[in-house]
Amino acid sequence: MFRDTLPQFAWDNVLAADGQIWLPNLKCVQELLAAYKKQLSKYFEWELVGDAKANPLYRATEKVEKELLMCPDSLTNETQIRPLNDFSDTPFYVLTRKHDAPRGEPSSNIYVDTDEDSSPRKSSPKKRRLKL
């Protein structure tokens, strides 16, 4: 995800200039940001954010907390933010797409799984680009 998918969001113009991707501040996220810093820094700037309410998903979840409490797993901001706060007082990373990030031409290409090669040795399905 970090090496390929995040840059692809910028390259394919899925994410607008100044668009943001919010990620939890966990050790695995820190390690992946560090491991792919060279690739990601072409497309994004990132920073730690301590105010959870700055995260749009956090704010949206607050609005539906009553409904979420009726679900069997009772996942709310309160139950989800606690592990993040145990790890750090800055619960989120926000990646912001750079204005000068490399990008491709606007495209209507999508990738779909295909069964073109059904070899038993093949461990993952091929992806094929379709033009819409």
N, C-alpha and C. Protein backbone atom coordinates (compact mmCIF):
# COMPACT_ATOMS: atom_id res chain seq x y z
N MET A 1 0.82 -1.19 0.00
CA MET A 1 0.00 0.00 0.00
C MET A 1 0.87 1.26 0.00
N PHE A 2 1.83 1.32 0.87
CA PHE A 2 2.62 2.54 0.99
C PHE A 2 3.46 2.79 -0.25
N ARG A 3 4.11 1.77 -0.76
CA ARG A 3 5.03 1.95 -1.87
C ARG A 3 4.30 2.24 -3.17
N ASP A 4 3.17 1.60 -3.42
CA ASP A 4 2.50 1.70 -4.70
C ASP A 4 1.18 2.47 -4.66
N THR A 5 0.30 2.10 -3.75
CA THR A 5 -1.05 2.66 -3.76
C THR A 5 -1.09 4.13 -3.41
N LEU A 6 -0.40 4.55 -2.36
CA LEU A 6 -0.46 5.96 -1.98
C LEU A 6 0.05 6.87 -3.10
N PRO A 7 1.22 6.61 -3.69
CA PRO A 7 1.64 7.45 -4.82
C PRO A 7 0.67 7.37 -6.00
N GLN A 8 0.05 6.22 -6.20
CA GLN A 8 -0.88 6.08 -7.32
C GLN A 8 -2.08 7.01 -7.17
N PHE A 9 -2.52 7.25 -5.94
CA PHE A 9 -3.62 8.19 -5.71
C PHE A 9 -3.28 9.57 -6.26
N ALA A 10 -2.04 10.01 -6.07
CA ALA A 10 -1.61 11.30 -6.60
C ALA A 10 -1.40 11.23 -8.10
N TRP A 11 -0.71 10.19 -8.56
CA TRP A 11 -0.39 10.04 -9.99
C TRP A 11 -1.65 10.03 -10.84
N ASP A 12 -2.67 9.30 -10.40
CA ASP A 12 -3.91 9.16 -11.15
C ASP A 12 -4.91 10.28 -10.87
N ASN A 13 -4.51 11.28 -10.11
CA ASN A 13 -5.37 12.40 -9.77
C ASN A 13 -6.62 11.97 -9.02
N VAL A 14 -6.53 10.87 -8.30
CA VAL A 14 -7.63 10.46 -7.44
C VAL A 14 -7.69 11.40 -6.24
N LEU A 15 -6.54 11.86 -5.83
CA LEU A 15 -6.42 12.78 -4.70
C LEU A 15 -6.01 14.14 -5.23
N ALA A 16 -6.81 15.15 -4.98
CA ALA A 16 -6.54 16.50 -5.46
C ALA A 16 -5.31 17.08 -4.77
N ALA A 17 -4.72 18.10 -5.39
CA ALA A 17 -3.64 18.84 -4.73
C ALA A 17 -4.19 19.34 -3.40
N ASP A 18 -3.43 19.22 -2.36
CA ASP A 18 -3.82 19.53 -0.98
C ASP A 18 -4.80 18.52 -0.41
N GLY A 19 -5.14 17.47 -1.16
CA GLY A 19 -5.97 16.40 -0.61
C GLY A 19 -5.22 15.68 0.48
N GLN A 20 -5.94 15.09 1.41
CA GLN A 20 -5.31 14.48 2.57
C GLN A 20 -5.69 13.01 2.73
N ILE A 21 -4.73 12.27 3.26
CA ILE A 21 -4.94 10.89 3.67
C ILE A 21 -4.57 10.82 5.15
N TRP A 22 -5.49 10.35 5.96
CA TRP A 22 -5.26 10.25 7.40
C TRP A 22 -4.93 8.81 7.76
N LEU A 23 -3.87 8.62 8.53
CA LEU A 23 -3.42 7.30 8.96
C LEU A 23 -3.21 7.31 10.48
N PRO A 24 -3.45 6.18 11.13
CA PRO A 24 -3.19 6.12 12.58
C PRO A 24 -1.69 6.16 12.85
N ASN A 25 -1.34 6.79 13.94
CA ASN A 25 0.06 6.83 14.36
C ASN A 25 0.36 5.56 15.14
N LEU A 26 0.73 4.54 14.40
CA LEU A 26 1.12 3.26 14.98
C LEU A 26 2.54 2.95 14.54
N LYS A 27 3.19 2.05 15.25
CA LYS A 27 4.57 1.70 14.93
C LYS A 27 4.70 1.20 13.49
N CYS A 28 3.77 0.37 13.04
CA CYS A 28 3.86 -0.16 11.67
C CYS A 28 3.73 0.96 10.64
N VAL A 29 2.91 1.96 10.90
CA VAL A 29 2.77 3.09 9.98
C VAL A 29 4.06 3.91 9.98
N GLN A 30 4.60 4.17 11.16
CA GLN A 30 5.88 4.90 11.25
C GLN A 30 6.97 4.19 10.45
N GLU A 31 7.06 2.88 10.62
CA GLU A 31 8.09 2.11 9.93
C GLU A 31 7.92 2.16 8.41
N LEU A 32 6.68 2.06 7.94
CA LEU A 32 6.44 2.09 6.49
C LEU A 32 6.68 3.48 5.91
N LEU A 33 6.31 4.53 6.64
CA LEU A 33 6.60 5.88 6.17
C LEU A 33 8.11 6.09 6.07
N ALA A 34 8.84 5.57 7.04
CA ALA A 34 10.30 5.69 7.01
C ALA A 34 10.90 4.86 5.87
N ALA A 35 10.39 3.65 5.70
CA ALA A 35 10.93 2.75 4.67
C ALA A 35 10.70 3.29 3.26
N TYR A 36 9.59 3.97 3.04
CA TYR A 36 9.25 4.46 1.69
C TYR A 36 9.27 5.98 1.60
N LYS A 37 10.05 6.59 2.48
CA LYS A 37 10.13 8.05 2.52
C LYS A 37 10.53 8.63 1.16
N LYS A 38 11.51 8.03 0.50
CA LYS A 38 11.99 8.55 -0.78
C LYS A 38 10.87 8.57 -1.81
N GLN A 39 10.12 7.47 -1.94
CA GLN A 39 9.04 7.41 -2.91
C GLN A 39 7.88 8.33 -2.52
N LEU A 40 7.49 8.31 -1.26
CA LEU A 40 6.33 9.08 -0.82
C LEU A 40 6.58 10.58 -0.82
N SER A 41 7.82 11.00 -0.52
CA SER A 41 8.09 12.44 -0.42
C SER A 41 7.98 13.15 -1.76
N LYS A 42 7.97 12.42 -2.87
CA LYS A 42 7.74 13.05 -4.17
C LYS A 42 6.30 13.54 -4.29
N TYR A 43 5.41 12.89 -3.58
CA TYR A 43 3.98 13.14 -3.71
C TYR A 43 3.34 13.82 -2.51
N PHE A 44 3.90 13.56 -1.32
CA PHE A 44 3.24 13.99 -0.10
C PHE A 44 4.19 14.67 0.88
N GLU A 45 3.61 15.54 1.68
CA GLU A 45 4.23 16.01 2.91
C GLU A 45 3.41 15.39 4.02
N TRP A 46 4.02 15.05 5.15
CA TRP A 46 3.22 14.49 6.23
C TRP A 46 3.68 15.05 7.55
N GLU A 47 2.71 15.00 8.47
CA GLU A 47 2.95 15.50 9.82
C GLU A 47 2.07 14.73 10.80
N LEU A 48 2.49 14.75 12.04
CA LEU A 48 1.68 14.17 13.10
C LEU A 48 0.66 15.19 13.56
N VAL A 49 -0.53 14.73 13.87
CA VAL A 49 -1.61 15.61 14.32
C VAL A 49 -2.10 15.11 15.67
N GLY A 50 -2.05 15.98 16.67
CA GLY A 50 -2.46 15.61 18.02
C GLY A 50 -3.94 15.78 18.28
N ASP A 51 -4.61 16.65 17.54
CA ASP A 51 -6.03 16.91 17.75
C ASP A 51 -6.85 15.93 16.91
N ALA A 52 -7.39 14.91 17.55
CA ALA A 52 -8.16 13.89 16.83
C ALA A 52 -9.34 14.51 16.08
N LYS A 53 -9.90 15.59 16.61
CA LYS A 53 -11.06 16.21 15.96
C LYS A 53 -10.72 16.90 14.65
N ALA A 54 -9.45 17.01 14.33
CA ALA A 54 -9.05 17.54 13.03
C ALA A 54 -9.25 16.50 11.93
N ASN A 55 -9.36 15.22 12.31
CA ASN A 55 -9.55 14.12 11.36
C ASN A 55 -11.04 14.08 10.95
N PRO A 56 -11.34 14.23 9.65
CA PRO A 56 -12.74 14.23 9.21
C PRO A 56 -13.50 12.94 9.57
N LEU A 57 -12.84 11.80 9.51
CA LEU A 57 -13.51 10.55 9.87
C LEU A 57 -13.83 10.51 11.36
N TYR A 58 -12.95 11.02 12.16
CA TYR A 58 -13.20 11.09 13.61
C TYR A 58 -14.44 11.94 13.88
N ARG A 59 -14.51 13.11 13.24
CA ARG A 59 -15.66 14.00 13.44
C ARG A 59 -16.96 13.34 12.96
N ALA A 60 -16.91 12.66 11.81
CA ALA A 60 -18.10 11.99 11.30
C ALA A 60 -18.54 10.87 12.24
N THR A 61 -17.57 10.15 12.80
CA THR A 61 -17.89 9.07 13.73
C THR A 61 -18.55 9.61 14.99
N GLU A 62 -18.12 10.77 15.44
CA GLU A 62 -18.74 11.40 16.61
C GLU A 62 -20.23 11.64 16.37
N LYS A 63 -20.56 12.02 15.16
CA LYS A 63 -21.96 12.35 14.83
C LYS A 63 -22.87 11.13 14.86
N VAL A 64 -22.32 9.94 14.68
CA VAL A 64 -23.15 8.73 14.63
C VAL A 64 -22.83 7.77 15.78
N GLU A 65 -22.25 8.29 16.84
CA GLU A 65 -21.86 7.43 17.96
C GLU A 65 -23.04 6.66 18.53
N LYS A 66 -24.18 7.29 18.66
CA LYS A 66 -25.37 6.63 19.21
C LYS A 66 -25.72 5.39 18.37
N GLU A 67 -25.68 5.54 17.06
CA GLU A 67 -25.98 4.41 16.17
C GLU A 67 -24.91 3.33 16.25
N LEU A 68 -23.65 3.75 16.37
CA LEU A 68 -22.56 2.78 16.46
C LEU A 68 -22.65 1.94 17.72
N LEU A 69 -23.14 2.52 18.78
CA LEU A 69 -23.27 1.77 20.04
C LEU A 69 -24.32 0.67 19.95
N MET A 70 -25.18 0.71 18.95
CA MET A 70 -26.17 -0.35 18.75
C MET A 70 -25.58 -1.53 17.98
N CYS A 71 -24.39 -1.37 17.41
CA CYS A 71 -23.74 -2.45 16.67
C CYS A 71 -23.07 -3.42 17.64
N PRO A 72 -22.96 -4.69 17.25
CA PRO A 72 -22.40 -5.71 18.16
C PRO A 72 -20.98 -5.40 18.65
N ASP A 73 -20.14 -4.80 17.80
CA ASP A 73 -18.75 -4.58 18.22
C ASP A 73 -18.54 -3.26 18.96
N SER A 74 -19.52 -2.37 18.96
CA SER A 74 -19.46 -1.10 19.69
C SER A 74 -18.18 -0.32 19.42
N LEU A 75 -17.77 -0.27 18.15
CA LEU A 75 -16.58 0.50 17.79
C LEU A 75 -16.95 1.97 17.67
N THR A 76 -16.38 2.77 18.55
CA THR A 76 -16.60 4.21 18.53
C THR A 76 -15.24 4.90 18.59
N ASN A 77 -15.25 6.19 18.50
CA ASN A 77 -13.99 6.92 18.64
C ASN A 77 -13.33 6.61 19.98
N GLU A 78 -14.14 6.54 21.02
CA GLU A 78 -13.60 6.27 22.36
C GLU A 78 -12.86 4.94 22.40
N THR A 79 -13.43 3.90 21.81
CA THR A 79 -12.78 2.59 21.87
C THR A 79 -11.61 2.48 20.90
N GLN A 80 -11.64 3.24 19.82
CA GLN A 80 -10.59 3.15 18.82
C GLN A 80 -9.41 4.09 19.09
N ILE A 81 -9.66 5.21 19.72
CA ILE A 81 -8.59 6.19 19.95
C ILE A 81 -7.72 5.80 21.15
N ARG A 82 -8.26 5.02 22.06
CA ARG A 82 -7.52 4.64 23.26
C ARG A 82 -6.19 3.96 22.93
N PRO A 83 -6.17 2.95 22.05
CA PRO A 83 -4.86 2.34 21.72
C PRO A 83 -3.91 3.31 21.05
N LEU A 84 -4.44 4.23 20.27
CA LEU A 84 -3.57 5.23 19.64
C LEU A 84 -2.98 6.16 20.68
N ASN A 85 -3.79 6.56 21.64
CA ASN A 85 -3.30 7.45 22.70
C ASN A 85 -2.32 6.74 23.62
N ASP A 86 -2.47 5.43 23.75
CA ASP A 86 -1.50 4.67 24.56
C ASP A 86 -0.13 4.66 23.88
N PHE A 87 -0.13 4.71 22.56
CA PHE A 87 1.12 4.68 21.79
C PHE A 87 1.77 6.05 21.72
N SER A 88 0.95 7.10 21.55
CA SER A 88 1.48 8.45 21.38
C SER A 88 0.41 9.48 21.68
N ASP A 89 0.83 10.68 22.03
CA ASP A 89 -0.16 11.75 22.25
C ASP A 89 -0.54 12.44 20.94
N THR A 90 0.01 11.99 19.84
CA THR A 90 -0.38 12.46 18.50
C THR A 90 -0.95 11.26 17.74
N PRO A 91 -2.28 11.11 17.74
CA PRO A 91 -2.87 9.87 17.25
C PRO A 91 -2.88 9.66 15.74
N PHE A 92 -2.62 10.71 14.96
CA PHE A 92 -2.74 10.55 13.52
C PHE A 92 -1.58 11.16 12.75
N TYR A 93 -1.31 10.56 11.60
CA TYR A 93 -0.50 11.18 10.56
C TYR A 93 -1.47 11.72 9.52
N VAL A 94 -1.16 12.88 9.00
CA VAL A 94 -1.91 13.35 7.84
C VAL A 94 -0.91 13.54 6.71
N LEU A 95 -1.19 12.87 5.59
CA LEU A 95 -0.39 13.02 4.38
C LEU A 95 -1.14 13.98 3.47
N THR A 96 -0.48 15.04 3.05
CA THR A 96 -1.09 16.04 2.18
C THR A 96 -0.38 16.00 0.84
N ARG A 97 -1.16 15.88 -0.22
CA ARG A 97 -0.59 15.83 -1.56
C ARG A 97 0.03 17.17 -1.90
N LYS A 98 1.23 17.12 -2.43
CA LYS A 98 1.95 18.32 -2.85
C LYS A 98 1.34 18.86 -4.15
N HIS A 99 1.36 20.18 -4.29
CA HIS A 99 0.87 20.80 -5.52
C HIS A 99 1.70 20.39 -6.72
N ASP A 100 3.00 20.22 -6.51
CA ASP A 100 3.90 19.89 -7.62
C ASP A 100 4.18 18.39 -7.73
N ALA A 101 3.31 17.56 -7.13
CA ALA A 101 3.50 16.12 -7.19
C ALA A 101 3.39 15.63 -8.63
N PRO A 102 4.25 14.70 -9.02
CA PRO A 102 4.13 14.13 -10.37
C PRO A 102 2.73 13.55 -10.56
N ARG A 103 2.24 13.64 -11.77
CA ARG A 103 0.92 13.07 -12.03
C ARG A 103 0.81 12.63 -13.47
N GLY A 104 -0.07 11.68 -13.68
CA GLY A 104 -0.33 11.18 -15.02
C GLY A 104 -1.46 11.96 -15.65
N GLU A 105 -1.80 11.56 -16.85
CA GLU A 105 -2.94 12.17 -17.53
C GLU A 105 -4.23 11.67 -16.88
N PRO A 106 -5.25 12.51 -16.79
CA PRO A 106 -6.52 12.02 -16.28
C PRO A 106 -6.94 10.80 -17.09
N SER A 107 -7.44 9.80 -16.41
CA SER A 107 -7.67 8.53 -17.07
C SER A 107 -8.93 7.88 -16.54
N SER A 108 -9.54 7.07 -17.36
CA SER A 108 -10.68 6.28 -16.91
C SER A 108 -10.29 4.81 -16.86
N ASN A 109 -8.99 4.55 -16.68
CA ASN A 109 -8.53 3.16 -16.58
C ASN A 109 -8.83 2.61 -15.20
N ILE A 110 -9.24 1.37 -15.16
CA ILE A 110 -9.39 0.68 -13.89
C ILE A 110 -8.71 -0.67 -13.99
N TYR A 111 -8.38 -1.26 -12.88
CA TYR A 111 -7.75 -2.57 -12.87
C TYR A 111 -8.76 -3.59 -12.35
N VAL A 112 -8.79 -4.72 -12.99
CA VAL A 112 -9.67 -5.79 -12.56
C VAL A 112 -8.89 -7.08 -12.50
N ASP A 113 -9.30 -7.98 -11.61
CA ASP A 113 -8.68 -9.29 -11.55
C ASP A 113 -9.14 -10.12 -12.74
N THR A 114 -8.22 -10.87 -13.30
CA THR A 114 -8.58 -11.75 -14.42
C THR A 114 -8.05 -13.13 -14.16
N ASP A 115 -8.60 -14.08 -14.84
CA ASP A 115 -8.15 -15.46 -14.71
C ASP A 115 -7.40 -15.90 -15.96
N GLU A 116 -6.69 -14.97 -16.60
CA GLU A 116 -6.02 -15.28 -17.85
C GLU A 116 -4.99 -16.38 -17.70
N ASP A 117 -4.29 -16.40 -16.58
CA ASP A 117 -3.28 -17.43 -16.35
C ASP A 117 -3.75 -18.26 -15.16
N SER A 118 -4.25 -19.43 -15.42
CA SER A 118 -4.78 -20.25 -14.34
C SER A 118 -3.78 -21.30 -13.87
N SER A 119 -2.51 -21.03 -14.10
CA SER A 119 -1.46 -21.95 -13.69
C SER A 119 -1.52 -22.18 -12.19
N PRO A 120 -1.42 -23.44 -11.73
CA PRO A 120 -1.48 -23.70 -10.29
C PRO A 120 -0.30 -23.10 -9.53
N ARG A 121 0.79 -22.79 -10.23
CA ARG A 121 1.95 -22.19 -9.57
C ARG A 121 1.75 -20.71 -9.33
N LYS A 122 0.83 -20.12 -10.00
CA LYS A 122 0.60 -18.68 -9.90
C LYS A 122 -0.08 -18.39 -8.57
N SER A 123 0.50 -17.51 -7.76
CA SER A 123 -0.04 -17.27 -6.43
C SER A 123 -1.01 -16.10 -6.38
N SER A 124 -0.95 -15.18 -7.34
CA SER A 124 -1.87 -14.04 -7.30
C SER A 124 -2.45 -13.83 -8.70
N PRO A 125 -3.70 -13.34 -8.75
CA PRO A 125 -4.32 -13.14 -10.05
C PRO A 125 -3.66 -12.01 -10.82
N LYS A 126 -3.69 -12.10 -12.14
CA LYS A 126 -3.18 -11.00 -12.96
C LYS A 126 -4.15 -9.84 -12.91
N LYS A 127 -3.62 -8.66 -13.11
CA LYS A 127 -4.47 -7.48 -13.22
C LYS A 127 -4.35 -6.99 -14.64
N ARG A 128 -5.45 -6.54 -15.17
CA ARG A 128 -5.46 -6.08 -16.54
C ARG A 128 -6.11 -4.71 -16.57
N ARG A 129 -5.55 -3.80 -17.35
CA ARG A 129 -6.07 -2.45 -17.44
C ARG A 129 -7.22 -2.42 -18.45
N LEU A 130 -8.33 -1.85 -18.04
CA LEU A 130 -9.48 -1.70 -18.92
C LEU A 130 -9.69 -0.22 -19.20
N LYS A 131 -10.00 0.12 -20.39
CA LYS A 131 -10.28 1.50 -20.77
C LYS A 131 -11.79 1.66 -20.79
N LEU A 132 -12.31 2.58 -20.01
CA LEU A 132 -13.75 2.80 -19.98
C LEU A 132 -14.17 3.83 -20.99
